[in-house]
Amino acid sequence: MLPQPLIHKIRSHEQEVLSVDWNKYNSNLILTASADTSIKLWDMRKLDGPLNVFRFHRYAVNSIQFSPFKENIFASGSYDMSWSVWDLGSNVPLRFDDSFTEFITDVEWNC
């Protein structure tokens, strides 16, 4: 199978994008997480800028995942040895835990 041509390219972050996740409830919503410590929410129909920027982690955000249970909730993990749970409508985490002694390398929802 031949690769598909690039449809659209955007400059999303100041540093590398380390994680991407699509919202299973709304296929137009995508999250990106970056070495620049930010998480950005995008609407694929309006790529002129992010819908929201989440900044709370002190170091690179290397893992994000939308909740499989609620459209507006996601989790993030960072090299600052913390993880957070967020609501898309708030710039402050709903829950934050920095009690770890190692990097958070992946976040995943578990039933």
N, C-alpha and C. Protein backbone atom coordinates (compact mmCIF):
# COMPACT_ATOMS: atom_id res chain seq x y z
N MET A 1 0.84 -1.17 0.00
CA MET A 1 0.00 0.00 0.00
C MET A 1 0.89 1.25 0.00
N LEU A 2 0.59 2.17 -0.87
CA LEU A 2 1.35 3.41 -0.95
C LEU A 2 0.93 4.38 0.14
N PRO A 3 1.88 5.17 0.67
CA PRO A 3 1.52 6.16 1.69
C PRO A 3 0.59 7.22 1.11
N GLN A 4 -0.30 7.71 1.94
CA GLN A 4 -1.23 8.76 1.53
C GLN A 4 -0.53 10.11 1.57
N PRO A 5 -0.90 11.04 0.71
CA PRO A 5 -0.28 12.36 0.71
C PRO A 5 -0.68 13.14 1.97
N LEU A 6 0.20 14.03 2.39
CA LEU A 6 -0.06 14.90 3.53
C LEU A 6 -1.24 15.81 3.21
N ILE A 7 -2.23 15.84 4.11
CA ILE A 7 -3.42 16.66 3.90
C ILE A 7 -3.25 18.04 4.49
N HIS A 8 -2.71 18.12 5.70
CA HIS A 8 -2.59 19.40 6.39
C HIS A 8 -1.44 19.31 7.39
N LYS A 9 -0.68 20.37 7.53
CA LYS A 9 0.42 20.41 8.48
C LYS A 9 0.27 21.67 9.32
N ILE A 10 0.40 21.54 10.64
CA ILE A 10 0.30 22.70 11.52
C ILE A 10 1.50 22.72 12.46
N ARG A 11 1.85 23.91 12.90
CA ARG A 11 2.87 24.04 13.95
C ARG A 11 2.10 24.04 15.27
N SER A 12 2.20 22.95 15.99
CA SER A 12 1.35 22.78 17.16
C SER A 12 2.03 23.13 18.48
N HIS A 13 3.33 22.94 18.57
CA HIS A 13 4.07 23.15 19.82
C HIS A 13 5.43 23.76 19.52
N GLU A 14 6.07 24.26 20.57
CA GLU A 14 7.41 24.84 20.45
C GLU A 14 8.49 23.76 20.42
N GLN A 15 8.19 22.58 20.94
CA GLN A 15 9.13 21.47 20.93
C GLN A 15 8.41 20.22 20.42
N GLU A 16 9.07 19.08 20.50
CA GLU A 16 8.53 17.84 19.95
C GLU A 16 7.19 17.47 20.56
N VAL A 17 6.32 16.92 19.72
CA VAL A 17 5.07 16.33 20.18
C VAL A 17 5.38 14.90 20.59
N LEU A 18 5.04 14.55 21.84
CA LEU A 18 5.39 13.24 22.38
C LEU A 18 4.20 12.28 22.48
N SER A 19 2.98 12.83 22.41
CA SER A 19 1.80 11.97 22.51
C SER A 19 0.61 12.65 21.83
N VAL A 20 -0.24 11.83 21.22
CA VAL A 20 -1.44 12.31 20.53
C VAL A 20 -2.57 11.34 20.86
N ASP A 21 -3.78 11.87 21.06
CA ASP A 21 -4.93 10.99 21.27
C ASP A 21 -6.18 11.64 20.69
N TRP A 22 -7.01 10.82 20.03
CA TRP A 22 -8.30 11.26 19.50
C TRP A 22 -9.39 10.92 20.49
N ASN A 23 -10.42 11.75 20.53
CA ASN A 23 -11.56 11.53 21.40
C ASN A 23 -12.52 10.56 20.73
N LYS A 24 -12.81 9.44 21.38
CA LYS A 24 -13.68 8.42 20.75
C LYS A 24 -15.14 8.86 20.69
N TYR A 25 -15.52 9.86 21.48
CA TYR A 25 -16.89 10.36 21.47
C TYR A 25 -17.09 11.48 20.44
N ASN A 26 -16.02 12.17 20.12
CA ASN A 26 -16.08 13.27 19.16
C ASN A 26 -14.82 13.20 18.30
N SER A 27 -14.94 12.65 17.12
CA SER A 27 -13.77 12.41 16.27
C SER A 27 -13.10 13.68 15.77
N ASN A 28 -13.69 14.84 16.03
CA ASN A 28 -13.05 16.11 15.65
C ASN A 28 -12.08 16.60 16.71
N LEU A 29 -12.12 16.04 17.92
CA LEU A 29 -11.26 16.51 19.00
C LEU A 29 -10.01 15.65 19.12
N ILE A 30 -8.87 16.32 19.23
CA ILE A 30 -7.59 15.66 19.37
C ILE A 30 -6.77 16.39 20.43
N LEU A 31 -6.01 15.63 21.21
CA LEU A 31 -5.09 16.20 22.19
C LEU A 31 -3.67 15.95 21.72
N THR A 32 -2.79 16.92 21.95
CA THR A 32 -1.37 16.74 21.71
C THR A 32 -0.62 17.12 22.98
N ALA A 33 0.44 16.38 23.28
CA ALA A 33 1.27 16.67 24.45
C ALA A 33 2.71 16.82 23.98
N SER A 34 3.46 17.68 24.66
CA SER A 34 4.75 18.06 24.11
C SER A 34 5.86 18.15 25.16
N ALA A 35 7.08 18.13 24.64
CA ALA A 35 8.26 18.39 25.46
C ALA A 35 8.28 19.82 25.97
N ASP A 36 7.46 20.71 25.39
CA ASP A 36 7.40 22.10 25.86
C ASP A 36 6.53 22.25 27.11
N THR A 37 6.09 21.15 27.72
CA THR A 37 5.30 21.04 28.95
C THR A 37 3.81 21.30 28.76
N SER A 38 3.36 21.56 27.55
CA SER A 38 1.95 21.89 27.35
C SER A 38 1.18 20.72 26.74
N ILE A 39 -0.13 20.79 26.97
CA ILE A 39 -1.10 19.89 26.34
C ILE A 39 -2.06 20.80 25.59
N LYS A 40 -2.37 20.47 24.34
CA LYS A 40 -3.27 21.31 23.56
C LYS A 40 -4.45 20.49 23.04
N LEU A 41 -5.61 21.13 23.08
CA LEU A 41 -6.84 20.54 22.55
C LEU A 41 -7.13 21.18 21.21
N TRP A 42 -7.35 20.35 20.19
CA TRP A 42 -7.58 20.82 18.83
C TRP A 42 -8.92 20.33 18.32
N ASP A 43 -9.55 21.14 17.49
CA ASP A 43 -10.72 20.75 16.71
C ASP A 43 -10.24 20.60 15.28
N MET A 44 -10.33 19.41 14.73
CA MET A 44 -9.79 19.13 13.40
C MET A 44 -10.49 19.93 12.30
N ARG A 45 -11.62 20.55 12.60
CA ARG A 45 -12.31 21.39 11.61
C ARG A 45 -11.78 22.82 11.62
N LYS A 46 -11.06 23.20 12.69
CA LYS A 46 -10.55 24.57 12.84
C LYS A 46 -9.11 24.51 13.33
N LEU A 47 -8.18 24.34 12.45
CA LEU A 47 -6.78 24.14 12.83
C LEU A 47 -5.96 25.43 12.89
N ASP A 48 -6.63 26.59 12.93
CA ASP A 48 -5.89 27.85 13.01
C ASP A 48 -5.30 28.08 14.40
N GLY A 49 -5.73 27.33 15.40
CA GLY A 49 -5.20 27.44 16.75
C GLY A 49 -5.91 26.46 17.67
N PRO A 50 -5.29 26.15 18.82
CA PRO A 50 -5.91 25.20 19.74
C PRO A 50 -7.15 25.77 20.41
N LEU A 51 -8.08 24.89 20.78
CA LEU A 51 -9.26 25.29 21.54
C LEU A 51 -8.90 25.64 22.97
N ASN A 52 -7.90 24.93 23.50
CA ASN A 52 -7.46 25.16 24.88
C ASN A 52 -6.02 24.70 25.01
N VAL A 53 -5.29 25.33 25.93
CA VAL A 53 -3.92 24.94 26.25
C VAL A 53 -3.88 24.66 27.75
N PHE A 54 -3.41 23.48 28.10
CA PHE A 54 -3.32 23.06 29.49
C PHE A 54 -1.85 23.09 29.91
N ARG A 55 -1.55 23.87 30.94
CA ARG A 55 -0.17 23.97 31.44
C ARG A 55 -0.20 23.76 32.95
N PHE A 56 0.40 22.68 33.38
CA PHE A 56 0.49 22.41 34.81
C PHE A 56 1.77 21.64 35.12
N HIS A 57 2.14 20.74 34.22
CA HIS A 57 3.35 19.94 34.43
C HIS A 57 4.59 20.82 34.31
N ARG A 58 5.62 20.47 35.07
CA ARG A 58 6.87 21.24 35.07
C ARG A 58 7.86 20.77 34.00
N TYR A 59 7.73 19.52 33.56
CA TYR A 59 8.61 18.97 32.53
C TYR A 59 7.76 18.40 31.39
N ALA A 60 8.42 17.85 30.42
CA ALA A 60 7.76 17.33 29.22
C ALA A 60 6.58 16.42 29.57
N VAL A 61 5.49 16.60 28.84
CA VAL A 61 4.32 15.73 28.97
C VAL A 61 4.45 14.65 27.90
N ASN A 62 4.67 13.42 28.34
CA ASN A 62 4.99 12.36 27.39
C ASN A 62 3.85 11.38 27.15
N SER A 63 2.72 11.55 27.85
CA SER A 63 1.61 10.62 27.64
C SER A 63 0.29 11.30 27.96
N ILE A 64 -0.68 11.14 27.06
CA ILE A 64 -2.04 11.63 27.29
C ILE A 64 -3.01 10.59 26.77
N GLN A 65 -4.19 10.55 27.39
CA GLN A 65 -5.22 9.65 26.90
C GLN A 65 -6.59 10.16 27.35
N PHE A 66 -7.50 10.26 26.38
CA PHE A 66 -8.89 10.57 26.71
C PHE A 66 -9.49 9.42 27.51
N SER A 67 -10.41 9.76 28.39
CA SER A 67 -11.15 8.74 29.14
C SER A 67 -12.02 7.94 28.19
N PRO A 68 -12.08 6.63 28.38
CA PRO A 68 -13.00 5.82 27.57
C PRO A 68 -14.44 5.91 28.08
N PHE A 69 -14.64 6.62 29.20
CA PHE A 69 -15.96 6.67 29.84
C PHE A 69 -16.66 8.01 29.70
N LYS A 70 -15.89 9.11 29.61
CA LYS A 70 -16.47 10.45 29.54
C LYS A 70 -15.77 11.27 28.47
N GLU A 71 -16.55 11.93 27.65
CA GLU A 71 -16.03 12.70 26.51
C GLU A 71 -15.09 13.83 26.93
N ASN A 72 -15.33 14.44 28.07
CA ASN A 72 -14.61 15.66 28.45
C ASN A 72 -13.46 15.44 29.43
N ILE A 73 -13.07 14.20 29.69
CA ILE A 73 -12.03 13.90 30.67
C ILE A 73 -10.83 13.26 29.98
N PHE A 74 -9.62 13.66 30.44
CA PHE A 74 -8.41 13.01 29.95
C PHE A 74 -7.36 12.96 31.06
N ALA A 75 -6.36 12.11 30.87
CA ALA A 75 -5.26 11.97 31.83
C ALA A 75 -3.95 12.30 31.13
N SER A 76 -2.99 12.78 31.92
CA SER A 76 -1.67 13.09 31.38
C SER A 76 -0.59 12.58 32.33
N GLY A 77 0.55 12.22 31.77
CA GLY A 77 1.71 11.81 32.54
C GLY A 77 2.92 12.58 32.06
N SER A 78 3.85 12.84 33.00
CA SER A 78 4.96 13.73 32.68
C SER A 78 6.29 13.23 33.24
N TYR A 79 7.36 13.77 32.66
CA TYR A 79 8.70 13.50 33.19
C TYR A 79 8.93 14.22 34.52
N ASP A 80 7.98 15.01 34.99
CA ASP A 80 8.11 15.62 36.32
C ASP A 80 7.65 14.65 37.42
N MET A 81 7.44 13.38 37.04
CA MET A 81 7.06 12.30 37.95
C MET A 81 5.66 12.50 38.52
N SER A 82 4.76 13.05 37.69
CA SER A 82 3.38 13.25 38.13
C SER A 82 2.42 12.84 37.02
N TRP A 83 1.18 12.59 37.43
CA TRP A 83 0.08 12.39 36.49
C TRP A 83 -1.07 13.26 36.94
N SER A 84 -1.93 13.60 35.99
CA SER A 84 -3.07 14.46 36.26
C SER A 84 -4.29 13.96 35.50
N VAL A 85 -5.47 14.25 36.05
CA VAL A 85 -6.74 14.02 35.36
C VAL A 85 -7.36 15.39 35.15
N TRP A 86 -7.82 15.63 33.93
CA TRP A 86 -8.30 16.95 33.52
C TRP A 86 -9.73 16.90 33.00
N ASP A 87 -10.41 18.03 33.09
CA ASP A 87 -11.67 18.28 32.40
C ASP A 87 -11.33 19.25 31.26
N LEU A 88 -11.84 18.99 30.07
CA LEU A 88 -11.53 19.84 28.91
C LEU A 88 -11.88 21.31 29.13
N GLY A 89 -12.83 21.58 30.00
CA GLY A 89 -13.27 22.95 30.22
C GLY A 89 -12.51 23.70 31.29
N SER A 90 -11.50 23.08 31.90
CA SER A 90 -10.77 23.72 33.00
C SER A 90 -9.27 23.66 32.75
N ASN A 91 -8.57 24.70 33.13
CA ASN A 91 -7.11 24.72 32.99
C ASN A 91 -6.40 24.23 34.25
N VAL A 92 -7.17 23.76 35.22
CA VAL A 92 -6.61 23.22 36.46
C VAL A 92 -7.00 21.75 36.54
N PRO A 93 -6.05 20.85 36.83
CA PRO A 93 -6.40 19.43 36.90
C PRO A 93 -7.46 19.13 37.96
N LEU A 94 -8.30 18.15 37.67
CA LEU A 94 -9.26 17.66 38.66
C LEU A 94 -8.55 16.86 39.74
N ARG A 95 -7.50 16.17 39.33
CA ARG A 95 -6.71 15.35 40.25
C ARG A 95 -5.26 15.41 39.81
N PHE A 96 -4.36 15.44 40.79
CA PHE A 96 -2.93 15.55 40.52
C PHE A 96 -2.19 14.69 41.54
N ASP A 97 -1.21 13.92 41.09
CA ASP A 97 -0.43 13.09 41.99
C ASP A 97 1.04 13.17 41.59
N ASP A 98 1.86 13.68 42.50
CA ASP A 98 3.30 13.77 42.23
C ASP A 98 4.10 12.98 43.26
N SER A 99 3.52 11.89 43.74
CA SER A 99 4.18 11.08 44.77
C SER A 99 5.12 10.02 44.21
N PHE A 100 5.34 10.01 42.91
CA PHE A 100 6.17 8.98 42.28
C PHE A 100 7.65 9.34 42.36
N THR A 101 8.49 8.32 42.32
CA THR A 101 9.94 8.52 42.36
C THR A 101 10.60 8.21 41.02
N GLU A 102 9.79 7.89 40.03
CA GLU A 102 10.27 7.62 38.67
C GLU A 102 9.41 8.38 37.67
N PHE A 103 9.94 8.53 36.46
CA PHE A 103 9.17 9.17 35.39
C PHE A 103 7.88 8.40 35.12
N ILE A 104 6.82 9.12 34.80
CA ILE A 104 5.59 8.50 34.31
C ILE A 104 5.80 8.30 32.81
N THR A 105 5.83 7.06 32.37
CA THR A 105 6.11 6.80 30.96
C THR A 105 4.85 6.57 30.13
N ASP A 106 3.73 6.28 30.81
CA ASP A 106 2.50 6.02 30.07
C ASP A 106 1.31 6.16 31.02
N VAL A 107 0.22 6.73 30.52
CA VAL A 107 -1.04 6.73 31.27
C VAL A 107 -2.05 5.92 30.47
N GLU A 108 -2.85 5.17 31.18
CA GLU A 108 -3.86 4.34 30.53
C GLU A 108 -5.02 4.13 31.50
N TRP A 109 -6.23 4.28 31.00
CA TRP A 109 -7.42 4.05 31.82
C TRP A 109 -7.63 2.56 31.97
N ASN A 110 -8.06 2.14 33.15
CA ASN A 110 -8.30 0.73 33.42
C ASN A 110 -9.69 0.57 34.00
N CYS A 111 -10.46 -0.35 33.47
CA CYS A 111 -11.84 -0.58 33.94
C CYS A 111 -11.85 -1.34 35.24
